[in-house]
Each structure stands twice: as structure tokens, then as C-alpha cells.
């Protein structure tokens, strides 16, 4: 089982946790890292830490966040939020701007075109497989209540896990 920590608000975490549990069938455990839980998970080695929320709210916890992130294989960061720590390691960025490694090329009512703008070397594989630049169409379920950032987080998890990005979310 892989452990992935996410620093996000409660609503975002709940939506993503439901989607991840559905998609990965207990092969990934998503941990919500918030002010109350961060000290309880300091000894867990996460495969990835996803930073969706502005870290200004975590000034007192910044040393713990640094330690947790430095032990993780990947740090996945929303480029649209303010990161105030000095993070080291394999960083993957996502967001709705041209600087992000994973971004959205286009959005319609029925699909999204996700774009990987920079190659990613996967650490989960002995051969360190290179995930190449490219685009992937994803159909949006009619009743989906996910935001654009949620799609980008899910796509990031698929890339970190070296899984093909799914056809429908």
C-alpha cells in the first residue's frame, strides 16, 4: 500500500479521498495533513506529499512539513498557491498556468485535455522509467463535482504511481 499525504481544505480532501478510494481500490491511502494531524504522521514515509493549500497557515508546523516532504519520493505542488518553505526532492508542479509541469490545455463540458509539459523520471520503478511529455483526453462524468485542480491532483497521482491516466473521471 502507498501512502500519499495531502495538505488541503476539508472539502477538497473528502472529494479526492472518495475518488482515490474508488480508482485505486485500497492500494493507496490518502492522509489529510492539517494543523491537527501533521504531528501524528511525522514518522510515516509518504510516497508523495500533495500541497494544495497555501502554507502561510502552517507557520508553526513548517519544520514538520519540511521533514515530512524531505522523506517523500515526490512533492506535488499547486503552483497557484504560496509555498513558504524550502522543499527538496523530486518536485512535480500542477496548476492553471504555463509554469506548471501538469496543466490543462483545454476544457469543455464533457472532457479535459491534461498536458504534461516536462518529462518526469518515475522513482517507483527500478529502471526509473521516463514519463514523456504529452496530452491526455479525460472524459468528465456527467455528475462530477470535481474542480479543475482536483483533476490535476488525480492526474498527478496517476503519474507518480506510473499508471496510465484514466479515460474518465
Foldseek 3Di string as FASTA:
>chain_A
DAEEEEEDDPVLVVLLQVVCCVVVVPPYDYHYDDPVCLVVCLPPQHQEYEYPEACVVVPVCQVSVQSNQQRYQEYEYEPVHHDDHDHDHHYAYEYDDPVHQWYWPDDDLFKTKIWRNQWGQAPVDPVRDIDDTDIDIATEDNPDPDDRVSLRVLVVVCVNVVHDDDRYD
